[in-house]
């Protein structure tokens, strides 16, 4: 299961409601949530749009201010549920999500059951009901919400057969030391040269805004980036030019993630969205098997 949030600066409520409702007209979709709305399953789309627009009109004009959020909860294959059962389960997941993500805001959700991967589209207002203030969810809080929702789904809807994505154990990479290096650390209490290089490279990775920028930071530390096939490492410019692979420094994953961030920074908005969806498609098919922790709070109001 993947949870994505896309903010919009323009109050394009009608366009998004129409997009979300395309499957309602074919019978392949279901409106599953009307949070803090007077509208209901039998209401015209124009009535739903009017409620969002009237609430958004309370917001003061501000450059780059968010007008709404389009969020998607997508589910991987594997379940054997009929469409009616699937609709109820996705509706329950949407209610649990909104209860944690936007309890005071307007939210409208439609479950799409016609694709290879079932998913729920959500329209969430930028402000709470009758409020002139935009609600903000930090990256840290959103990550927590993703974890809690995943735990909820695993615990309460095992029939959806979802893999762990946000709550799976992540192996922490460590510097790979030899017995000699470990013995030196034990005797002297001082970190090895490899550990010192690890600390330098990690610091440079955190500072660098591009690969070229990284190379400049490394050069200032007396290090040089090198690549041989798929192997990437750093070379000490002093002495005999000792080489250290990033994998032995415990920085292979950090290097991969930083490269991804640099790449995304060069993309235009459309390409960024495409890249995010492609990454989500890759992640959601992974399988993990660990018992789920406690679930988030739920809001059963419709």
Foldseek 3Di string as FASTA:
>chain_A
DDKDKDFDQDLPLVVVLCVLCPVVVVVQKAWQDWAPDPDDRPDDSVRVSVQLVVQLVLADDDVPDTFKMKMKDKAADDFDDDPVVVSVLVSQLVQLLCVQVPNQWTKIKMWGRPDNITMIIMITGQDGGNDHDGDDDDPVSVLVSVQQSVLVCVVPPCSSVFADDSPDDDDQFAAADDPVQVVVCVVPVDHDPLQVVLVQLVVLLVPDLAPVSSQVSQVVVQWGWDDDPPWIWIWRNDDPTDIDTCNNSRCPVVVVVSNVVSVLVPDDPVVNVVVVVVVVVVRRPDHDDDRRDHHGDGDPDD
